[in-house]
Amino acid sequence: MRRLCVWLLAAAMVGLFGVGGVEAQEIKGPIKIVVPYPAGGGSDVVARLIADKLKDSLGQTVIVENKPGAGGRIGTEYVKGQPADGSTMLVVNPALFVVAPVVFPKLAYDPDADFAPVSLITAYQFCVSVPPTSEIKDVKGLIEWIKKNPNQANYGSPAAGSLPHFFGLMIGKAAGVDMVHSSYNGSGPLVTALIGNQIPIGVDAYDAQSAYHPDKIRILATAGTARKKPDIPTFKEQGFPEIEGVGWNGIVVPAKTPKPVIDKLSAAIVKAVKSPDVAEKIQGLGSDAVGTTPSEFAAILKKDRERWVPVIKASGFKAD
């Protein structure tokens, strides 16, 4: 009889709280999506598109909160210290989770120990461009020019320590030349320098330069698996498959967030990202709507570290 009572009590508990406590893992609102950059940027726009959809699917208020500073590290450190209950999410990218752990000797967060992946939301390609008056017409011509002009082979990126900075080193490696990097204060000044023929090569995210092609600058190639425009072939198409680079934005939460909560958020985010209206708007920003499971996001992060960390370390770059 005693065993029967214990069994009935256990069954009642399962009925009350749900198997494994999944139903008990409710997310306390309002839910925040922290963007560690100023309002108006690409990651901020995407976060707001997703937030509008999540309000419906989660049935709770979802707000976007900008916490900019220190290249995104201030907002990242803030979310690290928030309750691990699903109420606070963070938008991250390779700069924060791949580059920063290598170049900052005393980083105040550990991407793996302090956070758990939820979903990759967007992906974007890098590109290489030249001034419109340049004699360089394609990647083969670019590599040949770099080899013939090693002393002039400097390139610009929107920031020191950014993925475009290290992507430029990949291009130099293909030519067997250690190209000199010039850092600009953002994508706008880099485009201005290219238009003015002040620098021979520019490397940036495709969406930051596409509006200026082909009249003001000439994009020679993009670094993804498919063309973004019919007249811009990929590096792979031009015989350089080793030159590959894709950036992304993803969502993470504090590390000890329960798995049922993470899975619930991930499913809602994937649904939001892949909804036709959101996907179309993301495409309009020059990115691709993705949406993944937590494990798929973790695998992408692992692969990116394998690709980028050796390049970053070989550069010898260290942040101040």
Protein backbone atom coordinates (compact mmCIF):
# COMPACT_ATOMS: atom_id res chain seq x y z
CA MET A 1 0.00 0.00 0.00
CA ARG A 2 2.82 2.37 0.89
CA ARG A 3 4.47 1.75 -2.50
CA LEU A 4 1.14 2.41 -4.21
CA CYS A 5 0.79 5.74 -2.40
CA VAL A 6 4.32 6.76 -3.40
CA TRP A 7 3.60 5.83 -7.02
CA LEU A 8 0.34 7.80 -7.02
CA LEU A 9 2.10 10.82 -5.50
CA ALA A 10 4.82 10.67 -8.17
CA ALA A 11 2.20 10.40 -10.91
CA ALA A 12 0.38 13.40 -9.50
CA MET A 13 3.61 15.44 -9.47
CA VAL A 14 4.25 14.58 -13.13
CA GLY A 15 0.72 15.61 -14.01
CA LEU A 16 1.12 18.87 -12.11
CA PHE A 17 4.55 19.95 -13.36
CA GLY A 18 4.86 18.03 -16.65
CA VAL A 19 7.36 15.36 -17.65
CA GLY A 20 10.86 16.52 -16.81
CA GLY A 21 9.39 19.80 -15.57
CA VAL A 22 9.07 21.18 -19.11
CA GLU A 23 5.73 22.88 -18.46
CA ALA A 24 7.14 24.26 -15.22
CA GLN A 25 9.89 26.00 -17.16
CA GLU A 26 7.86 29.10 -17.92
CA ILE A 27 9.73 32.20 -19.00
CA LYS A 28 9.02 35.17 -16.79
CA GLY A 29 8.27 38.26 -18.83
CA PRO A 30 9.02 40.71 -20.13
CA ILE A 31 11.66 39.07 -22.31
CA LYS A 32 14.63 41.21 -23.36
CA ILE A 33 16.78 40.86 -26.44
CA VAL A 34 19.98 42.74 -25.69
CA VAL A 35 21.81 44.19 -28.68
CA PRO A 36 25.35 45.17 -27.61
CA TYR A 37 25.54 47.85 -30.31
CA PRO A 38 23.83 51.20 -30.96
CA ALA A 39 20.29 51.32 -32.33
CA GLY A 40 19.90 51.38 -36.10
CA GLY A 41 22.61 48.88 -37.03
CA GLY A 42 22.02 45.60 -38.85
CA SER A 43 21.89 43.44 -35.72
CA ASP A 44 19.53 45.90 -34.06
CA VAL A 45 17.14 45.91 -37.03
CA VAL A 46 17.06 42.10 -37.15
CA ALA A 47 16.50 41.86 -33.39
CA ARG A 48 13.48 44.16 -33.66
CA LEU A 49 12.03 42.17 -36.56
CA ILE A 50 12.30 38.99 -34.49
CA ALA A 51 10.97 40.61 -31.32
CA ASP A 52 7.71 41.55 -33.05
CA LYS A 53 7.15 37.92 -34.06
CA LEU A 54 8.15 36.46 -30.69
CA LYS A 55 5.49 38.50 -28.94
CA ASP A 56 2.86 36.45 -30.75
CA SER A 57 4.45 32.99 -30.54
CA LEU A 58 5.55 33.28 -26.88
CA GLY A 59 2.53 35.25 -25.76
CA GLN A 60 4.70 37.68 -23.81
CA THR A 61 6.11 41.15 -24.15
CA VAL A 62 9.48 41.09 -25.94
CA ILE A 63 11.60 44.24 -25.95
CA VAL A 64 14.92 45.10 -27.57
CA GLU A 65 17.44 46.85 -25.34
CA ASN A 66 20.62 48.43 -26.72
CA LYS A 67 23.68 48.27 -24.49
CA PRO A 68 26.54 49.50 -26.70
CA GLY A 69 30.16 50.06 -25.80
CA ALA A 70 33.63 48.51 -26.09
CA GLY A 71 32.83 46.88 -29.42
CA GLY A 72 29.91 44.95 -27.96
CA ARG A 73 31.68 43.64 -24.88
CA ILE A 74 29.77 45.78 -22.38
CA GLY A 75 26.39 44.38 -23.42
CA THR A 76 27.82 40.87 -23.52
CA GLU A 77 29.17 41.16 -19.98
CA TYR A 78 25.81 42.53 -18.85
CA VAL A 79 23.88 39.51 -20.14
CA LYS A 80 26.41 37.16 -18.59
CA GLY A 81 25.24 38.37 -15.17
CA GLN A 82 21.49 38.15 -15.84
CA PRO A 83 19.22 35.39 -14.45
CA ALA A 84 19.47 32.14 -16.42
CA ASP A 85 15.72 31.81 -16.90
CA GLY A 86 15.23 32.75 -20.56
CA SER A 87 14.14 36.31 -19.80
CA THR A 88 17.31 37.84 -21.29
CA MET A 89 18.77 36.96 -24.67
CA LEU A 90 21.84 38.41 -26.39
CA VAL A 91 22.63 39.04 -30.05
CA VAL A 92 26.21 37.94 -30.77
CA ASN A 93 28.52 37.65 -33.78
CA PRO A 94 31.99 36.27 -34.61
CA ALA A 95 33.68 39.45 -33.36
CA LEU A 96 32.42 38.70 -29.84
CA PHE A 97 32.57 34.89 -29.81
CA VAL A 98 35.46 34.05 -32.16
CA VAL A 99 37.80 37.04 -32.39
CA ALA A 100 37.58 38.63 -28.94
CA PRO A 101 38.68 35.52 -26.96
CA VAL A 102 41.89 35.45 -29.04
CA VAL A 103 42.82 39.14 -29.16
CA PHE A 104 41.81 40.34 -25.68
CA PRO A 105 44.17 38.97 -22.99
CA LYS A 106 41.76 39.75 -20.14
CA LEU A 107 38.31 39.24 -21.62
CA ALA A 108 35.62 39.44 -18.92
CA TYR A 109 33.50 36.64 -20.36
CA ASP A 110 33.96 33.13 -21.75
CA PRO A 111 31.69 32.37 -24.73
CA ASP A 112 31.44 28.69 -23.81
CA ALA A 113 31.38 28.81 -20.00
CA ASP A 114 29.11 31.85 -19.66
CA PHE A 115 26.62 31.38 -22.49
CA ALA A 116 24.50 28.75 -24.23
CA PRO A 117 23.64 28.91 -27.95
CA VAL A 118 19.99 29.27 -28.93
CA SER A 119 19.85 29.90 -32.67
CA LEU A 120 21.82 31.37 -35.54
CA ILE A 121 19.53 34.00 -37.09
CA THR A 122 21.33 35.57 -40.07
CA ALA A 123 24.42 35.03 -42.20
CA TYR A 124 26.24 37.47 -44.45
CA GLN A 125 29.12 37.25 -46.90
CA PHE A 126 32.37 39.15 -47.06
CA CYS A 127 33.63 40.67 -50.28
CA VAL A 128 36.74 42.21 -51.78
CA SER A 129 36.54 45.39 -53.84
CA VAL A 130 38.73 47.84 -55.73
CA PRO A 131 38.32 51.43 -57.01
CA PRO A 132 36.31 51.64 -60.26
CA THR A 133 39.39 52.87 -62.13
CA SER A 134 41.51 49.91 -61.02
CA GLU A 135 43.12 47.68 -63.64
CA ILE A 136 42.09 44.65 -61.54
CA LYS A 137 39.01 42.94 -62.97
CA ASP A 138 38.74 39.62 -61.10
CA VAL A 139 40.29 37.58 -58.29
CA LYS A 140 42.95 36.05 -60.54
CA GLY A 141 43.96 39.55 -61.57
CA LEU A 142 43.95 40.64 -57.93
CA ILE A 143 46.28 37.83 -56.86
CA GLU A 144 48.62 38.54 -59.78
CA TRP A 145 48.66 42.26 -58.94
CA ILE A 146 49.47 41.56 -55.29
CA LYS A 147 52.36 39.30 -56.29
CA LYS A 148 53.76 41.89 -58.70
CA ASN A 149 53.26 44.81 -56.31
CA PRO A 150 53.93 43.50 -52.79
CA ASN A 151 55.05 46.91 -51.55
CA GLN A 152 51.79 48.52 -52.66
CA ALA A 153 49.54 45.65 -51.60
CA ASN A 154 47.82 47.25 -48.65
CA TYR A 155 44.12 46.79 -48.01
CA GLY A 156 41.49 48.48 -45.90
CA SER A 157 38.82 47.12 -43.57
CA PRO A 158 36.20 48.87 -41.42
CA ALA A 159 38.04 48.13 -38.16
CA ALA A 160 41.20 46.58 -36.77
CA GLY A 161 40.42 43.19 -35.26
CA SER A 162 37.26 42.74 -37.35
CA LEU A 163 36.66 39.64 -39.45
CA PRO A 164 37.18 41.67 -42.67
CA HIS A 165 40.64 42.52 -41.29
CA PHE A 166 41.50 38.84 -41.00
CA PHE A 167 39.71 37.92 -44.21
CA GLY A 168 42.11 40.26 -46.01
CA LEU A 169 44.98 38.23 -44.59
CA MET A 170 43.46 35.12 -46.19
CA ILE A 171 43.60 36.86 -49.55
CA GLY A 172 47.22 37.84 -49.00
CA LYS A 173 48.06 34.28 -48.01
CA ALA A 174 46.64 33.01 -51.31
CA ALA A 175 49.04 35.35 -53.08
CA GLY A 176 51.95 34.48 -50.80
CA VAL A 177 52.23 38.10 -49.66
CA ASP A 178 51.82 39.57 -46.18
CA MET A 179 49.57 42.45 -47.12
CA VAL A 180 49.58 45.57 -44.94
CA HIS A 181 46.28 46.31 -43.22
CA SER A 182 44.81 49.82 -42.95
CA SER A 183 42.01 50.29 -40.44
CA TYR A 184 39.16 52.70 -41.14
CA ASN A 185 36.57 54.01 -38.73
CA GLY A 186 33.70 52.04 -40.19
CA SER A 187 32.40 50.97 -43.58
CA GLY A 188 31.55 54.49 -44.78
CA PRO A 189 35.10 55.86 -44.59
CA LEU A 190 36.42 52.70 -46.25
CA VAL A 191 34.08 53.14 -49.22
CA THR A 192 35.08 56.82 -49.43
CA ALA A 193 38.74 55.81 -49.56
CA LEU A 194 38.04 53.33 -52.35
CA ILE A 195 36.03 55.85 -54.35
CA GLY A 196 38.87 58.34 -53.98
CA ASN A 197 41.45 55.76 -55.04
CA GLN A 198 43.23 56.26 -51.71
CA ILE A 199 43.61 52.52 -51.15
CA PRO A 200 43.86 49.76 -53.78
CA ILE A 201 41.84 47.03 -52.05
CA GLY A 202 38.92 47.00 -49.66
CA VAL A 203 37.49 44.12 -47.61
CA ASP A 204 34.13 44.36 -45.86
CA ALA A 205 30.73 42.73 -45.46
CA TYR A 206 28.95 42.51 -48.78
CA ASP A 207 25.89 44.42 -47.57
CA ALA A 208 28.10 47.37 -46.61
CA GLN A 209 29.41 47.75 -50.17
CA SER A 210 26.76 46.36 -52.51
CA ALA A 211 24.96 49.68 -52.97
CA TYR A 212 28.13 51.22 -54.46
CA HIS A 213 28.78 48.48 -57.03
CA PRO A 214 29.55 48.85 -59.92
CA ASP A 215 29.47 52.63 -60.36
CA LYS A 216 31.53 53.83 -57.40
CA ILE A 217 33.50 50.71 -56.49
CA ARG A 218 33.98 47.32 -58.14
CA ILE A 219 33.27 44.20 -56.08
CA LEU A 220 35.46 41.41 -57.44
CA ALA A 221 34.05 38.50 -55.46
CA THR A 222 31.95 37.42 -52.51
CA ALA A 223 33.06 34.75 -50.08
CA GLY A 224 29.98 32.57 -49.74
CA THR A 225 28.70 29.56 -51.63
CA ALA A 226 26.29 31.41 -53.93
CA ARG A 227 26.26 34.69 -55.83
CA LYS A 228 24.55 37.68 -54.26
CA LYS A 229 24.31 39.46 -57.64
CA PRO A 230 24.50 37.91 -61.11
CA ASP A 231 27.59 39.94 -62.04
CA ILE A 232 29.57 39.19 -58.86
CA PRO A 233 31.03 35.65 -58.83
CA THR A 234 32.24 33.95 -55.66
CA PHE A 235 35.88 33.24 -54.85
CA LYS A 236 35.14 29.55 -55.33
CA GLU A 237 33.77 30.10 -58.83
CA GLN A 238 36.97 31.94 -59.70
CA GLY A 239 39.19 29.08 -58.58
CA PHE A 240 39.92 30.10 -54.98
CA PRO A 241 37.76 27.89 -52.72
CA GLU A 242 40.19 28.35 -49.81
CA ILE A 243 39.20 32.02 -49.56
CA GLU A 244 35.91 31.67 -47.72
CA GLY A 245 34.33 33.80 -45.05
CA VAL A 246 30.81 34.23 -43.76
CA GLY A 247 29.72 36.39 -40.86
CA TRP A 248 26.58 35.88 -38.80
CA ASN A 249 24.33 37.05 -36.00
CA GLY A 250 23.07 34.62 -33.42
CA ILE A 251 21.12 34.48 -30.16
CA VAL A 252 22.56 33.16 -26.89
CA VAL A 253 21.42 33.10 -23.26
CA PRO A 254 23.22 32.80 -19.91
CA ALA A 255 24.87 29.39 -19.58
CA LYS A 256 22.71 27.78 -16.90
CA THR A 257 19.41 28.43 -18.66
CA PRO A 258 17.40 25.15 -18.57
CA LYS A 259 17.38 23.18 -21.82
CA PRO A 260 13.56 23.16 -22.13
CA VAL A 261 13.62 26.96 -22.01
CA ILE A 262 16.40 27.14 -24.61
CA ASP A 263 14.51 24.76 -26.89
CA LYS A 264 11.33 26.80 -26.51
CA LEU A 265 13.14 30.03 -27.40
CA SER A 266 14.97 28.39 -30.29
CA ALA A 267 11.78 27.05 -31.87
CA ALA A 268 10.11 30.46 -31.58
CA ILE A 269 13.13 32.25 -33.07
CA VAL A 270 13.41 29.84 -36.01
CA LYS A 271 9.71 30.33 -36.73
CA ALA A 272 10.15 34.11 -36.59
CA VAL A 273 13.28 34.23 -38.77
CA LYS A 274 11.81 31.95 -41.42
CA SER A 275 8.45 33.72 -41.63
CA PRO A 276 8.17 35.10 -45.19
CA ASP A 277 7.93 38.78 -44.28
CA VAL A 278 10.90 38.72 -41.88
CA ALA A 279 13.03 36.62 -44.25
CA GLU A 280 12.31 39.08 -47.07
CA LYS A 281 13.32 42.06 -44.94
CA ILE A 282 16.52 40.31 -43.85
CA GLN A 283 17.30 39.60 -47.49
CA GLY A 284 16.80 43.28 -48.17
CA LEU A 285 19.52 44.04 -45.64
CA GLY A 286 21.97 41.96 -47.69
CA SER A 287 21.90 38.98 -45.34
CA ASP A 288 20.30 35.54 -45.41
CA ALA A 289 17.69 34.38 -42.90
CA VAL A 290 18.93 31.17 -41.26
CA GLY A 291 17.36 29.85 -38.06
CA THR A 292 19.00 26.80 -36.42
CA THR A 293 18.73 24.51 -33.44
CA PRO A 294 21.07 25.15 -30.49
CA SER A 295 23.28 22.19 -31.47
CA GLU A 296 23.51 23.38 -35.09
CA PHE A 297 24.56 26.83 -33.90
CA ALA A 298 27.20 25.26 -31.63
CA ALA A 299 28.58 23.27 -34.58
CA ILE A 300 28.81 26.40 -36.75
CA LEU A 301 30.64 28.23 -33.98
CA LYS A 302 33.10 25.35 -33.63
CA LYS A 303 33.75 25.30 -37.38
CA ASP A 304 34.28 29.06 -37.48
CA ARG A 305 36.83 28.87 -34.69
CA GLU A 306 38.72 26.19 -36.59
CA ARG A 307 38.77 28.45 -39.66
CA TRP A 308 39.51 31.82 -38.07
CA VAL A 309 41.56 31.29 -34.91
CA PRO A 310 44.71 30.11 -36.76
CA VAL A 311 44.48 33.17 -39.04
CA ILE A 312 43.99 35.52 -36.10
CA LYS A 313 46.87 34.02 -34.12
CA ALA A 314 49.18 34.05 -37.15
CA SER A 315 48.50 37.78 -37.59
CA GLY A 316 49.91 38.51 -34.15
CA PHE A 317 47.14 41.07 -33.61
CA LYS A 318 46.30 41.94 -30.01
CA ALA A 319 43.73 44.46 -28.89
CA ASP A 320 44.73 47.32 -26.63
